[in-house]
Amino acid sequence: MGYYFRGIITSIDFIDLYRNRYRNLVIIPLINSLVAIPLTDDLFDEINTNQEMTITNYEYLTDQIGKFCSEISQSSRTAYVEAEYFGGVGSQNSIVWKSEEVIFEETFSNNAINKSLEILGVMRLKEKDEFDTVRLGRHRFIDDWVNKETHL
């Protein structure tokens, strides 16, 4: 069975400034003050307005999405993450901004998301890594994040 996730993880602090910027923006609470913004096809299209240039080593991260993440990082550290696994084989990509500067990036690894979450302040729980601590594995597909979760 597969697992696919792509999206932005940041602090709830960004909501007041950016909530109404895109009509397809869905904000899902994780733990403490962290939230996830799944990058749906509709949000991808809305942010990029047909002008996307994919950033090397990422499937969905474009210059426009990177710019949006960079802007959010003015108020809190912000990560963009991609994960794709099928039958236990796959990889993760992640990049973290703080104050509009990239402070971490790792691609094609099995631990990029955990490292990003640690940079965002996630303290892993006993016998769980950061990924499981914030419960990023609770859905396997982007549409399930949008359709099966409470939105802020």
Protein backbone atom coordinates (compact mmCIF):
# COMPACT_ATOMS: atom_id res chain seq x y z
CA MET A 1 0.00 0.00 0.00
CA GLY A 2 1.21 3.53 -0.73
CA TYR A 3 1.68 6.68 1.25
CA TYR A 4 1.72 10.10 -0.40
CA PHE A 5 1.91 13.45 1.32
CA ARG A 6 2.92 16.86 0.13
CA GLY A 7 2.31 20.04 2.00
CA ILE A 8 3.36 22.81 4.32
CA ILE A 9 3.85 22.45 8.06
CA THR A 10 4.06 25.56 10.19
CA SER A 11 2.74 27.22 13.33
CA ILE A 12 -0.86 28.23 13.75
CA ASP A 13 0.46 31.80 14.10
CA PHE A 14 0.37 32.24 10.32
CA ILE A 15 -3.43 31.90 10.09
CA ASP A 16 -4.40 35.52 10.67
CA LEU A 17 -2.10 36.76 7.91
CA TYR A 18 -2.64 34.11 5.24
CA ARG A 19 -5.91 32.27 5.87
CA ASN A 20 -7.89 34.13 3.20
CA ARG A 21 -5.11 34.38 0.64
CA TYR A 22 -6.15 31.20 -1.22
CA ARG A 23 -9.66 29.78 -1.30
CA ASN A 24 -8.34 26.20 -1.56
CA LEU A 25 -6.11 26.52 1.52
CA VAL A 26 -7.06 23.87 4.10
CA ILE A 27 -5.53 24.15 7.57
CA ILE A 28 -5.43 21.01 9.72
CA PRO A 29 -4.27 20.98 13.35
CA LEU A 30 -1.46 18.58 14.22
CA ILE A 31 -0.09 18.88 17.78
CA ASN A 32 0.55 21.83 20.04
CA SER A 33 0.53 24.84 17.73
CA LEU A 34 1.57 23.07 14.52
CA VAL A 35 -0.70 22.85 11.50
CA ALA A 36 -0.53 21.09 8.15
CA ILE A 37 -1.60 22.56 4.84
CA PRO A 38 -1.99 19.70 2.38
CA LEU A 39 -0.94 20.68 -1.12
CA THR A 40 -3.98 19.56 -3.08
CA ASP A 41 -4.11 19.81 -6.85
CA ASP A 42 -6.50 22.77 -6.50
CA LEU A 43 -4.21 24.64 -4.10
CA PHE A 44 -1.22 23.85 -6.31
CA ASP A 45 -2.98 25.35 -9.33
CA GLU A 46 -4.22 28.37 -7.38
CA ILE A 47 -0.79 29.26 -6.00
CA ASN A 48 1.02 28.75 -9.28
CA THR A 49 -1.50 30.38 -11.66
CA ASN A 50 -0.01 28.48 -14.61
CA GLN A 51 3.49 29.85 -13.96
CA GLU A 52 5.11 26.99 -12.09
CA MET A 53 8.78 26.13 -12.28
CA THR A 54 9.51 23.03 -10.24
CA ILE A 55 12.48 23.27 -7.91
CA THR A 56 15.16 20.63 -8.52
CA ASN A 57 14.67 17.32 -6.66
CA TYR A 58 11.03 18.06 -5.80
CA GLU A 59 7.97 16.84 -7.62
CA TYR A 60 5.54 19.57 -6.50
CA LEU A 61 7.61 22.35 -4.93
CA THR A 62 7.63 25.29 -7.32
CA ASP A 63 9.16 28.71 -7.08
CA GLN A 64 5.73 30.19 -6.23
CA ILE A 65 5.07 27.65 -3.46
CA GLY A 66 8.59 28.27 -2.14
CA LYS A 67 7.88 32.00 -2.13
CA PHE A 68 4.65 31.40 -0.17
CA CYS A 69 6.53 29.24 2.38
CA SER A 70 9.25 31.88 2.66
CA GLU A 71 6.63 34.55 3.38
CA ILE A 72 4.97 32.40 6.05
CA SER A 73 8.39 31.90 7.66
CA GLN A 74 8.43 35.59 8.62
CA SER A 75 6.09 34.68 11.49
CA SER A 76 7.22 31.09 12.21
CA ARG A 77 9.51 28.39 10.94
CA THR A 78 7.90 26.72 7.96
CA ALA A 79 8.57 23.39 6.27
CA TYR A 80 7.53 22.09 2.89
CA VAL A 81 7.58 18.28 2.79
CA GLU A 82 6.98 15.57 0.21
CA ALA A 83 6.83 11.85 0.89
CA GLU A 84 6.06 9.03 -1.48
CA TYR A 85 6.22 5.35 -0.57
CA PHE A 86 4.83 2.23 -2.14
CA GLY A 87 5.46 -1.21 -0.74
CA GLY A 88 7.95 0.20 1.75
CA VAL A 89 10.08 1.78 -0.98
CA GLY A 90 10.25 5.53 -1.47
CA SER A 91 11.75 8.73 -0.19
CA GLN A 92 11.15 12.08 1.46
CA ASN A 93 12.09 15.63 0.56
CA SER A 94 11.97 18.58 2.91
CA ILE A 95 13.01 22.18 3.14
CA VAL A 96 12.64 24.56 6.12
CA TRP A 97 12.60 28.36 6.14
CA LYS A 98 13.07 30.73 9.05
CA SER A 99 12.74 34.48 8.53
CA GLU A 100 12.64 33.97 4.76
CA GLU A 101 15.94 32.05 4.70
CA VAL A 102 16.37 28.34 4.02
CA ILE A 103 17.85 26.81 7.16
CA PHE A 104 17.56 23.11 6.24
CA GLU A 105 17.07 21.00 3.16
CA GLU A 106 17.30 17.28 2.58
CA THR A 107 16.10 15.34 -0.45
CA PHE A 108 15.74 11.67 -1.34
CA SER A 109 16.17 10.43 2.20
CA ASN A 110 14.16 8.39 4.67
CA ASN A 111 14.46 10.91 7.50
CA ALA A 112 13.98 14.37 5.94
CA ILE A 113 10.52 14.91 7.47
CA ASN A 114 11.64 13.90 10.98
CA LYS A 115 14.56 16.32 10.78
CA SER A 116 12.26 19.12 9.61
CA LEU A 117 9.76 18.47 12.36
CA GLU A 118 12.55 18.54 14.92
CA ILE A 119 13.63 21.95 13.56
CA LEU A 120 10.01 23.10 13.91
CA GLY A 121 10.17 22.17 17.60
CA VAL A 122 8.50 18.75 17.69
CA MET A 123 9.60 16.78 20.72
CA ARG A 124 9.24 13.10 19.93
CA LEU A 125 7.15 10.98 22.25
CA LYS A 126 8.37 7.76 23.81
CA GLU A 127 8.99 5.07 21.21
CA LYS A 128 7.74 7.36 18.39
CA ASP A 129 9.64 9.45 15.93
CA GLU A 130 8.62 13.03 15.09
CA PHE A 131 6.52 11.86 12.11
CA ASP A 132 4.44 9.58 14.33
CA THR A 133 4.34 12.12 17.16
CA VAL A 134 2.45 14.62 14.94
CA ARG A 135 0.49 11.72 13.37
CA LEU A 136 1.42 12.43 9.75
CA GLY A 137 0.74 8.78 8.99
CA ARG A 138 -2.95 8.94 9.89
CA HIS A 139 -3.90 9.30 6.22
CA ARG A 140 -2.19 7.82 3.19
CA PHE A 141 -3.46 10.23 0.54
CA ILE A 142 -3.90 14.01 0.18
CA ASP A 143 -7.65 13.80 -0.42
CA ASP A 144 -8.13 11.96 2.88
CA TRP A 145 -6.42 14.81 4.73
CA VAL A 146 -8.89 17.24 3.21
CA ASN A 147 -12.03 15.08 3.47
CA LYS A 148 -11.53 13.29 6.79
CA GLU A 149 -10.00 15.98 9.02
CA THR A 150 -11.31 18.96 10.95
CA HIS A 151 -10.26 22.23 9.32
CA LEU A 152 -9.41 25.38 11.22
